[in-house]
Amino acid sequence: MKILFRNYLIGTCIFILLLCAVHLPFSKQYRSIDISYAADDSFQEGLSLLSHDSLTNAADAFTKALDYQPAFAPFHYYLALTYEHQGEDERAVAEYNIVINIDPEFYPAFYNLAKIVAHNKEYDQAISLLRRAVQLNPYYISAFIALADIYTKTGDHASAEKIFNYLSYIGYDK
């Protein structure tokens, strides 16, 4: 009888422990824990402000995020994007260069920097930047189209045609 009672108690304890182990992590109290980091909060605020065209405030939020994590490429990228939207090309170029130095494979920075450089008619540098962008992402349609456009502007129609042939090959249909 003692053994039966002991086994019953052990079984009941194991059942209760298993029930707690399964139930507690999924209970509402444990699911609602929000861990907040100042850099992430500032970054999310910046993204929200950028999407609402509150560019000055967005730049401030991204700058605040950079105070916490100065070597994080996405923070610099969105700050550069904000500067670009504000028409502050010099500041945008500086930030895009920081992004590229931090993360040499951050291909959108190459593309956006190339757009600014091409706008200033520095076509050789723009071509170099766009080539790097498409080298990093061979399916970056916008970069290929921008590259073909610059080739056309510079009179290199053969290179532009090669790009459009490639785009056709990968399934891009205007």
N, C-alpha and C. Protein backbone atom coordinates (compact mmCIF):
# COMPACT_ATOMS: atom_id res chain seq x y z
N MET A 1 0.81 -1.19 0.00
CA MET A 1 0.00 0.00 0.00
C MET A 1 0.86 1.26 0.00
N LYS A 2 1.97 1.24 0.81
CA LYS A 2 2.87 2.38 0.84
C LYS A 2 3.47 2.65 -0.52
N ILE A 3 3.87 1.62 -1.21
CA ILE A 3 4.50 1.77 -2.53
C ILE A 3 3.50 2.34 -3.52
N LEU A 4 2.27 1.87 -3.47
CA LEU A 4 1.23 2.38 -4.36
C LEU A 4 0.97 3.86 -4.10
N PHE A 5 0.89 4.23 -2.82
CA PHE A 5 0.67 5.63 -2.46
C PHE A 5 1.85 6.50 -2.90
N ARG A 6 3.07 6.01 -2.69
CA ARG A 6 4.26 6.74 -3.09
C ARG A 6 4.28 6.93 -4.61
N ASN A 7 3.99 5.91 -5.38
CA ASN A 7 3.95 6.01 -6.84
C ASN A 7 2.88 7.00 -7.30
N TYR A 8 1.75 6.98 -6.59
CA TYR A 8 0.67 7.93 -6.91
C TYR A 8 1.13 9.37 -6.68
N LEU A 9 1.80 9.61 -5.55
CA LEU A 9 2.30 10.96 -5.26
C LEU A 9 3.36 11.40 -6.27
N ILE A 10 4.26 10.52 -6.60
CA ILE A 10 5.30 10.84 -7.58
C ILE A 10 4.67 11.14 -8.93
N GLY A 11 3.73 10.31 -9.33
CA GLY A 11 3.03 10.52 -10.61
C GLY A 11 2.28 11.84 -10.64
N THR A 12 1.62 12.16 -9.53
CA THR A 12 0.88 13.43 -9.44
C THR A 12 1.84 14.61 -9.51
N CYS A 13 2.95 14.54 -8.82
CA CYS A 13 3.95 15.63 -8.86
C CYS A 13 4.51 15.82 -10.26
N ILE A 14 4.81 14.73 -10.92
CA ILE A 14 5.32 14.81 -12.29
C ILE A 14 4.28 15.43 -13.20
N PHE A 15 3.02 15.03 -13.04
CA PHE A 15 1.93 15.59 -13.85
C PHE A 15 1.82 17.10 -13.63
N ILE A 16 1.87 17.53 -12.39
CA ILE A 16 1.77 18.97 -12.08
C ILE A 16 2.95 19.72 -12.64
N LEU A 17 4.14 19.18 -12.53
CA LEU A 17 5.34 19.83 -13.09
C LEU A 17 5.25 19.94 -14.61
N LEU A 18 4.80 18.88 -15.25
CA LEU A 18 4.64 18.92 -16.71
C LEU A 18 3.58 19.93 -17.12
N LEU A 19 2.49 19.97 -16.39
CA LEU A 19 1.43 20.92 -16.67
C LEU A 19 1.95 22.35 -16.55
N CYS A 20 2.71 22.63 -15.52
CA CYS A 20 3.31 23.97 -15.34
C CYS A 20 4.32 24.27 -16.44
N ALA A 21 5.12 23.30 -16.78
CA ALA A 21 6.16 23.50 -17.80
C ALA A 21 5.54 23.80 -19.16
N VAL A 22 4.40 23.20 -19.43
CA VAL A 22 3.74 23.43 -20.72
C VAL A 22 2.88 24.69 -20.68
N HIS A 23 2.17 24.90 -19.61
CA HIS A 23 1.22 26.00 -19.55
C HIS A 23 1.87 27.36 -19.33
N LEU A 24 2.81 27.47 -18.41
CA LEU A 24 3.35 28.77 -18.03
C LEU A 24 3.99 29.54 -19.20
N PRO A 25 4.80 28.92 -20.04
CA PRO A 25 5.40 29.72 -21.12
C PRO A 25 4.37 30.27 -22.11
N PHE A 26 3.20 29.67 -22.17
CA PHE A 26 2.19 30.12 -23.13
C PHE A 26 1.11 30.97 -22.47
N SER A 27 1.21 31.19 -21.19
CA SER A 27 0.19 32.00 -20.53
C SER A 27 0.34 33.45 -20.94
N LYS A 28 -0.73 34.20 -20.83
CA LYS A 28 -0.76 35.59 -21.29
C LYS A 28 0.31 36.43 -20.59
N GLN A 29 0.54 36.18 -19.33
CA GLN A 29 1.52 36.96 -18.58
C GLN A 29 2.91 36.84 -19.21
N TYR A 30 3.31 35.67 -19.66
CA TYR A 30 4.65 35.48 -20.20
C TYR A 30 4.74 35.89 -21.67
N ARG A 31 3.64 35.88 -22.39
CA ARG A 31 3.66 36.28 -23.80
C ARG A 31 3.75 37.78 -23.96
N SER A 32 3.35 38.55 -22.97
CA SER A 32 3.29 39.99 -23.12
C SER A 32 4.55 40.71 -22.65
N ILE A 33 5.59 39.97 -22.38
CA ILE A 33 6.83 40.61 -21.96
C ILE A 33 7.45 41.29 -23.18
N ASP A 34 7.65 42.59 -23.09
CA ASP A 34 8.28 43.34 -24.15
C ASP A 34 9.64 43.82 -23.67
N ILE A 35 10.65 43.38 -24.37
CA ILE A 35 11.99 43.84 -24.06
C ILE A 35 12.25 45.03 -24.96
N SER A 36 12.63 46.13 -24.38
CA SER A 36 12.81 47.36 -25.14
C SER A 36 14.26 47.79 -25.07
N TYR A 37 14.79 48.13 -26.20
CA TYR A 37 16.14 48.65 -26.29
C TYR A 37 16.05 50.05 -26.88
N ALA A 38 16.76 50.97 -26.32
CA ALA A 38 16.66 52.37 -26.73
C ALA A 38 16.97 52.55 -28.21
N ALA A 39 17.98 51.87 -28.72
CA ALA A 39 18.33 52.01 -30.14
C ALA A 39 17.19 51.51 -31.02
N ASP A 40 16.62 50.37 -30.68
CA ASP A 40 15.52 49.83 -31.46
C ASP A 40 14.29 50.73 -31.40
N ASP A 41 14.02 51.27 -30.22
CA ASP A 41 12.88 52.17 -30.07
C ASP A 41 13.06 53.41 -30.95
N SER A 42 14.25 53.98 -30.92
CA SER A 42 14.52 55.17 -31.74
C SER A 42 14.44 54.83 -33.22
N PHE A 43 14.96 53.67 -33.58
CA PHE A 43 14.92 53.25 -34.98
C PHE A 43 13.48 53.07 -35.45
N GLN A 44 12.66 52.38 -34.66
CA GLN A 44 11.25 52.18 -35.02
C GLN A 44 10.53 53.51 -35.12
N GLU A 45 10.83 54.42 -34.22
CA GLU A 45 10.24 55.76 -34.28
C GLU A 45 10.65 56.47 -35.56
N GLY A 46 11.93 56.34 -35.92
CA GLY A 46 12.43 56.95 -37.16
C GLY A 46 11.75 56.39 -38.39
N LEU A 47 11.55 55.07 -38.41
CA LEU A 47 10.87 54.46 -39.56
C LEU A 47 9.44 54.97 -39.68
N SER A 48 8.77 55.07 -38.55
CA SER A 48 7.40 55.57 -38.55
C SER A 48 7.35 57.02 -39.04
N LEU A 49 8.24 57.84 -38.53
CA LEU A 49 8.27 59.24 -38.94
C LEU A 49 8.64 59.38 -40.42
N LEU A 50 9.56 58.55 -40.89
CA LEU A 50 9.95 58.58 -42.30
C LEU A 50 8.77 58.20 -43.19
N SER A 51 8.00 57.22 -42.76
CA SER A 51 6.85 56.80 -43.56
C SER A 51 5.75 57.86 -43.59
N HIS A 52 5.77 58.75 -42.61
CA HIS A 52 4.80 59.85 -42.57
C HIS A 52 5.39 61.17 -43.06
N ASP A 53 6.54 61.10 -43.71
CA ASP A 53 7.24 62.26 -44.27
C ASP A 53 7.57 63.33 -43.24
N SER A 54 7.76 62.94 -42.02
CA SER A 54 8.24 63.86 -40.99
C SER A 54 9.76 63.71 -40.95
N LEU A 55 10.40 64.27 -41.97
CA LEU A 55 11.79 63.96 -42.24
C LEU A 55 12.76 64.50 -41.19
N THR A 56 12.54 65.69 -40.71
CA THR A 56 13.45 66.25 -39.70
C THR A 56 13.40 65.42 -38.43
N ASN A 57 12.21 65.07 -38.00
CA ASN A 57 12.07 64.25 -36.79
C ASN A 57 12.61 62.84 -37.02
N ALA A 58 12.44 62.31 -38.23
CA ALA A 58 12.98 60.99 -38.54
C ALA A 58 14.50 61.01 -38.46
N ALA A 59 15.12 62.05 -39.01
CA ALA A 59 16.58 62.17 -38.94
C ALA A 59 17.05 62.23 -37.49
N ASP A 60 16.30 62.96 -36.67
CA ASP A 60 16.65 63.04 -35.24
C ASP A 60 16.56 61.67 -34.57
N ALA A 61 15.52 60.91 -34.90
CA ALA A 61 15.34 59.58 -34.30
C ALA A 61 16.45 58.63 -34.75
N PHE A 62 16.81 58.66 -36.03
CA PHE A 62 17.89 57.79 -36.51
C PHE A 62 19.22 58.19 -35.89
N THR A 63 19.44 59.48 -35.73
CA THR A 63 20.66 59.96 -35.09
C THR A 63 20.72 59.49 -33.64
N LYS A 64 19.58 59.52 -32.97
CA LYS A 64 19.51 59.03 -31.59
C LYS A 64 19.82 57.54 -31.53
N ALA A 65 19.31 56.77 -32.49
CA ALA A 65 19.62 55.34 -32.54
C ALA A 65 21.11 55.12 -32.73
N LEU A 66 21.73 55.98 -33.56
CA LEU A 66 23.17 55.86 -33.80
C LEU A 66 23.99 56.21 -32.56
N ASP A 67 23.43 57.01 -31.67
CA ASP A 67 24.13 57.29 -30.41
C ASP A 67 24.34 56.01 -29.62
N TYR A 68 23.40 55.07 -29.74
CA TYR A 68 23.50 53.81 -29.02
C TYR A 68 24.31 52.76 -29.77
N GLN A 69 24.17 52.75 -31.11
CA GLN A 69 24.88 51.76 -31.93
C GLN A 69 25.47 52.45 -33.16
N PRO A 70 26.61 53.10 -33.00
CA PRO A 70 27.17 53.90 -34.11
C PRO A 70 27.69 53.08 -35.28
N ALA A 71 27.91 51.81 -35.11
CA ALA A 71 28.46 51.00 -36.19
C ALA A 71 27.43 50.04 -36.78
N PHE A 72 26.15 50.41 -36.72
CA PHE A 72 25.10 49.55 -37.25
C PHE A 72 24.63 50.14 -38.58
N ALA A 73 24.95 49.45 -39.66
CA ALA A 73 24.73 49.96 -41.01
C ALA A 73 23.28 50.36 -41.31
N PRO A 74 22.27 49.59 -40.92
CA PRO A 74 20.89 50.00 -41.23
C PRO A 74 20.50 51.36 -40.64
N PHE A 75 21.02 51.70 -39.48
CA PHE A 75 20.71 53.01 -38.90
C PHE A 75 21.27 54.11 -39.78
N HIS A 76 22.50 53.94 -40.23
CA HIS A 76 23.12 54.93 -41.13
C HIS A 76 22.38 54.98 -42.47
N TYR A 77 21.96 53.81 -42.94
CA TYR A 77 21.27 53.74 -44.23
C TYR A 77 19.97 54.55 -44.20
N TYR A 78 19.18 54.36 -43.17
CA TYR A 78 17.91 55.09 -43.11
C TYR A 78 18.11 56.58 -42.82
N LEU A 79 19.17 56.92 -42.12
CA LEU A 79 19.50 58.33 -41.94
C LEU A 79 19.88 58.93 -43.30
N ALA A 80 20.67 58.21 -44.08
CA ALA A 80 21.04 58.67 -45.41
C ALA A 80 19.80 58.81 -46.30
N LEU A 81 18.91 57.85 -46.22
CA LEU A 81 17.67 57.89 -47.00
C LEU A 81 16.84 59.12 -46.61
N THR A 82 16.81 59.42 -45.33
CA THR A 82 16.09 60.60 -44.86
C THR A 82 16.73 61.87 -45.41
N TYR A 83 18.05 61.94 -45.35
CA TYR A 83 18.75 63.11 -45.90
C TYR A 83 18.48 63.23 -47.40
N GLU A 84 18.47 62.09 -48.08
CA GLU A 84 18.21 62.11 -49.53
C GLU A 84 16.82 62.67 -49.82
N HIS A 85 15.84 62.25 -49.05
CA HIS A 85 14.47 62.76 -49.23
C HIS A 85 14.37 64.24 -48.91
N GLN A 86 15.24 64.72 -48.03
CA GLN A 86 15.25 66.14 -47.69
C GLN A 86 16.02 66.96 -48.73
N GLY A 87 16.67 66.29 -49.67
CA GLY A 87 17.46 66.99 -50.68
C GLY A 87 18.85 67.37 -50.19
N GLU A 88 19.27 66.81 -49.08
CA GLU A 88 20.59 67.07 -48.54
C GLU A 88 21.56 66.01 -49.06
N ASP A 89 21.91 66.15 -50.34
CA ASP A 89 22.71 65.12 -51.01
C ASP A 89 24.08 64.90 -50.38
N GLU A 90 24.75 65.96 -49.96
CA GLU A 90 26.09 65.80 -49.38
C GLU A 90 26.05 64.97 -48.10
N ARG A 91 25.06 65.25 -47.26
CA ARG A 91 24.93 64.48 -46.03
C ARG A 91 24.53 63.04 -46.33
N ALA A 92 23.67 62.86 -47.32
CA ALA A 92 23.25 61.51 -47.71
C ALA A 92 24.45 60.72 -48.23
N VAL A 93 25.26 61.35 -49.08
CA VAL A 93 26.44 60.68 -49.63
C VAL A 93 27.38 60.27 -48.50
N ALA A 94 27.58 61.15 -47.54
CA ALA A 94 28.46 60.82 -46.41
C ALA A 94 27.93 59.61 -45.64
N GLU A 95 26.63 59.57 -45.40
CA GLU A 95 26.04 58.44 -44.67
C GLU A 95 26.09 57.15 -45.48
N TYR A 96 25.80 57.24 -46.79
CA TYR A 96 25.89 56.03 -47.62
C TYR A 96 27.31 55.48 -47.64
N ASN A 97 28.29 56.36 -47.65
CA ASN A 97 29.69 55.91 -47.60
C ASN A 97 30.00 55.22 -46.28
N ILE A 98 29.42 55.72 -45.20
CA ILE A 98 29.61 55.06 -43.90
C ILE A 98 28.99 53.66 -43.94
N VAL A 99 27.80 53.56 -44.54
CA VAL A 99 27.14 52.24 -44.65
C VAL A 99 28.04 51.27 -45.40
N ILE A 100 28.59 51.72 -46.52
CA ILE A 100 29.43 50.86 -47.35
C ILE A 100 30.70 50.46 -46.61
N ASN A 101 31.26 51.38 -45.82
CA ASN A 101 32.45 51.05 -45.04
C ASN A 101 32.15 50.05 -43.94
N ILE A 102 30.99 50.19 -43.31
CA ILE A 102 30.61 49.26 -42.25
C ILE A 102 30.27 47.89 -42.83
N ASP A 103 29.47 47.89 -43.90
CA ASP A 103 29.00 46.64 -44.50
C ASP A 103 29.17 46.72 -46.01
N PRO A 104 30.30 46.24 -46.54
CA PRO A 104 30.57 46.33 -47.98
C PRO A 104 29.63 45.50 -48.86
N GLU A 105 28.69 44.79 -48.26
CA GLU A 105 27.74 44.01 -49.04
C GLU A 105 26.32 44.54 -48.92
N PHE A 106 26.16 45.73 -48.40
CA PHE A 106 24.85 46.37 -48.24
C PHE A 106 24.48 47.02 -49.57
N TYR A 107 23.98 46.20 -50.50
CA TYR A 107 23.80 46.63 -51.88
C TYR A 107 22.82 47.79 -52.09
N PRO A 108 21.77 47.97 -51.27
CA PRO A 108 20.91 49.14 -51.50
C PRO A 108 21.66 50.47 -51.32
N ALA A 109 22.67 50.48 -50.47
CA ALA A 109 23.45 51.71 -50.29
C ALA A 109 24.22 52.06 -51.56
N PHE A 110 24.74 51.05 -52.24
CA PHE A 110 25.44 51.29 -53.50
C PHE A 110 24.48 51.89 -54.54
N TYR A 111 23.29 51.33 -54.60
CA TYR A 111 22.28 51.80 -55.56
C TYR A 111 21.87 53.24 -55.27
N ASN A 112 21.54 53.53 -54.02
CA ASN A 112 21.09 54.88 -53.68
C ASN A 112 22.21 55.90 -53.85
N LEU A 113 23.43 55.51 -53.49
CA LEU A 113 24.56 56.41 -53.69
C LEU A 113 24.77 56.65 -55.19
N ALA A 114 24.62 55.63 -55.99
CA ALA A 114 24.76 55.77 -57.44
C ALA A 114 23.72 56.71 -58.02
N LYS A 115 22.50 56.67 -57.50
CA LYS A 115 21.46 57.59 -57.99
C LYS A 115 21.87 59.05 -57.76
N ILE A 116 22.41 59.34 -56.59
CA ILE A 116 22.83 60.71 -56.29
C ILE A 116 24.00 61.11 -57.18
N VAL A 117 24.95 60.22 -57.30
CA VAL A 117 26.15 60.50 -58.11
C VAL A 117 25.75 60.69 -59.58
N ALA A 118 24.84 59.87 -60.08
CA ALA A 118 24.39 60.00 -61.47
C ALA A 118 23.64 61.30 -61.68
N HIS A 119 22.87 61.71 -60.68
CA HIS A 119 22.15 62.98 -60.77
C HIS A 119 23.13 64.15 -60.92
N ASN A 120 24.32 63.99 -60.35
CA ASN A 120 25.37 65.01 -60.46
C ASN A 120 26.24 64.78 -61.70
N LYS A 121 25.79 63.89 -62.57
CA LYS A 121 26.44 63.58 -63.84
C LYS A 121 27.86 63.00 -63.69
N GLU A 122 28.10 62.34 -62.60
CA GLU A 122 29.36 61.62 -62.38
C GLU A 122 29.12 60.16 -62.79
N TYR A 123 29.00 59.96 -64.09
CA TYR A 123 28.53 58.68 -64.60
C TYR A 123 29.50 57.52 -64.37
N ASP A 124 30.79 57.77 -64.46
CA ASP A 124 31.75 56.67 -64.25
C ASP A 124 31.64 56.10 -62.84
N GLN A 125 31.54 56.99 -61.87
CA GLN A 125 31.40 56.54 -60.48
C GLN A 125 30.05 55.84 -60.28
N ALA A 126 29.00 56.38 -60.89
CA ALA A 126 27.67 55.76 -60.77
C ALA A 126 27.68 54.36 -61.38
N ILE A 127 28.33 54.20 -62.51
CA ILE A 127 28.41 52.88 -63.15
C ILE A 127 29.13 51.90 -62.23
N SER A 128 30.23 52.35 -61.65
CA SER A 128 30.99 51.49 -60.73
C SER A 128 30.13 51.06 -59.54
N LEU A 129 29.40 52.01 -58.96
CA LEU A 129 28.55 51.70 -57.81
C LEU A 129 27.42 50.75 -58.19
N LEU A 130 26.80 50.99 -59.33
CA LEU A 130 25.70 50.12 -59.76
C LEU A 130 26.20 48.72 -60.12
N ARG A 131 27.37 48.64 -60.70
CA ARG A 131 27.94 47.32 -60.99
C ARG A 131 28.15 46.54 -59.70
N ARG A 132 28.61 47.24 -58.67
CA ARG A 132 28.80 46.57 -57.38
C ARG A 132 27.46 46.12 -56.81
N ALA A 133 26.44 46.94 -56.94
CA ALA A 133 25.11 46.58 -56.43
C ALA A 133 24.57 45.33 -57.11
N VAL A 134 24.71 45.26 -58.44
CA VAL A 134 24.17 44.08 -59.15
C VAL A 134 25.08 42.87 -58.99
N GLN A 135 26.35 43.11 -58.70
CA GLN A 135 27.24 41.99 -58.40
C GLN A 135 26.82 41.34 -57.08
N LEU A 136 26.44 42.18 -56.11
CA LEU A 136 26.00 41.67 -54.82
C LEU A 136 24.62 41.04 -54.88
N ASN A 137 23.76 41.57 -55.76
CA ASN A 137 22.41 41.03 -55.90
C ASN A 137 22.07 40.96 -57.39
N PRO A 138 22.28 39.81 -58.02
CA PRO A 138 22.05 39.68 -59.46
C PRO A 138 20.58 39.77 -59.89
N TYR A 139 19.68 39.94 -58.93
CA TYR A 139 18.26 40.09 -59.25
C TYR A 139 17.74 41.47 -58.86
N TYR A 140 18.64 42.43 -58.72
CA TYR A 140 18.29 43.79 -58.31
C TYR A 140 17.88 44.57 -59.56
N ILE A 141 16.62 44.42 -59.94
CA ILE A 141 16.08 44.96 -61.18
C ILE A 141 16.27 46.48 -61.26
N SER A 142 15.95 47.19 -60.21
CA SER A 142 16.08 48.66 -60.22
C SER A 142 17.50 49.09 -60.52
N ALA A 143 18.47 48.39 -59.96
CA ALA A 143 19.87 48.74 -60.21
C ALA A 143 20.25 48.45 -61.65
N PHE A 144 19.77 47.34 -62.19
CA PHE A 144 20.05 47.02 -63.59
C PHE A 144 19.45 48.08 -64.52
N ILE A 145 18.23 48.48 -64.24
CA ILE A 145 17.58 49.49 -65.08
C ILE A 145 18.31 50.82 -64.99
N ALA A 146 18.73 51.21 -63.78
CA ALA A 146 19.49 52.45 -63.62
C ALA A 146 20.82 52.37 -64.35
N LEU A 147 21.46 51.21 -64.30
CA LEU A 147 22.73 51.01 -65.00
C LEU A 147 22.54 51.11 -66.51
N ALA A 148 21.49 50.48 -67.02
CA ALA A 148 21.20 50.56 -68.46
C ALA A 148 20.90 52.00 -68.86
N ASP A 149 20.19 52.73 -68.02
CA ASP A 149 19.88 54.12 -68.29
C ASP A 149 21.15 54.96 -68.39
N ILE A 150 22.08 54.74 -67.49
CA ILE A 150 23.34 55.49 -67.53
C ILE A 150 24.15 55.10 -68.76
N TYR A 151 24.17 53.81 -69.07
CA TYR A 151 24.87 53.40 -70.29
C TYR A 151 24.28 54.09 -71.52
N THR A 152 22.95 54.20 -71.55
CA THR A 152 22.30 54.88 -72.66
C THR A 152 22.68 56.36 -72.70
N LYS A 153 22.69 57.02 -71.55
CA LYS A 153 23.07 58.43 -71.47
C LYS A 153 24.51 58.67 -71.92
N THR A 154 25.37 57.70 -71.64
CA THR A 154 26.78 57.86 -72.01
C THR A 154 27.08 57.34 -73.41
N GLY A 155 26.07 56.85 -74.10
CA GLY A 155 26.25 56.39 -75.48
C GLY A 155 26.70 54.95 -75.61
N ASP A 156 26.76 54.21 -74.52
CA ASP A 156 27.17 52.80 -74.56
C ASP A 156 25.92 51.93 -74.71
N HIS A 157 25.36 51.96 -75.91
CA HIS A 157 24.11 51.25 -76.18
C HIS A 157 24.29 49.73 -76.15
N ALA A 158 25.48 49.26 -76.50
CA ALA A 158 25.73 47.81 -76.48
C ALA A 158 25.62 47.27 -75.05
N SER A 159 26.18 47.99 -74.09
CA SER A 159 26.10 47.54 -72.69
C SER A 159 24.66 47.62 -72.18
N ALA A 160 23.94 48.66 -72.57
CA ALA A 160 22.54 48.78 -72.17
C ALA A 160 21.74 47.61 -72.74
N GLU A 161 22.01 47.26 -73.98
CA GLU A 161 21.30 46.14 -74.61
C GLU A 161 21.61 44.82 -73.90
N LYS A 162 22.85 44.63 -73.49
CA LYS A 162 23.22 43.41 -72.75
C LYS A 162 22.42 43.31 -71.44
N ILE A 163 22.26 44.44 -70.80
CA ILE A 163 21.50 44.44 -69.54
C ILE A 163 20.05 44.06 -69.80
N PHE A 164 19.46 44.65 -70.83
CA PHE A 164 18.06 44.33 -71.12
C PHE A 164 17.90 42.88 -71.56
N ASN A 165 18.89 42.34 -72.25
CA ASN A 165 18.86 40.92 -72.61
C ASN A 165 18.92 40.04 -71.35
N TYR A 166 19.78 40.45 -70.41
CA TYR A 166 19.87 39.71 -69.15
C TYR A 166 18.55 39.77 -68.39
N LEU A 167 17.97 40.97 -68.32
CA LEU A 167 16.69 41.13 -67.61
C LEU A 167 15.61 40.26 -68.25
N SER A 168 15.62 40.20 -69.55
CA SER A 168 14.68 39.33 -70.26
C SER A 168 14.93 37.87 -69.93
N TYR A 169 16.20 37.51 -69.84
CA TYR A 169 16.59 36.14 -69.54
C TYR A 169 16.13 35.71 -68.15
N ILE A 170 16.22 36.63 -67.16
CA ILE A 170 15.80 36.26 -65.81
C ILE A 170 14.29 36.41 -65.59
N GLY A 171 13.59 36.84 -66.63
CA GLY A 171 12.14 36.86 -66.55
C GLY A 171 11.53 38.21 -66.27
N TYR A 172 12.34 39.26 -66.34
CA TYR A 172 11.79 40.60 -66.11
C TYR A 172 11.06 41.04 -67.37
N ASP A 173 9.83 41.44 -67.20
CA ASP A 173 9.02 41.93 -68.33
C ASP A 173 8.51 43.32 -67.97
N LYS A 174 9.00 44.28 -68.71
CA LYS A 174 8.63 45.68 -68.45
C LYS A 174 7.17 45.77 -68.22
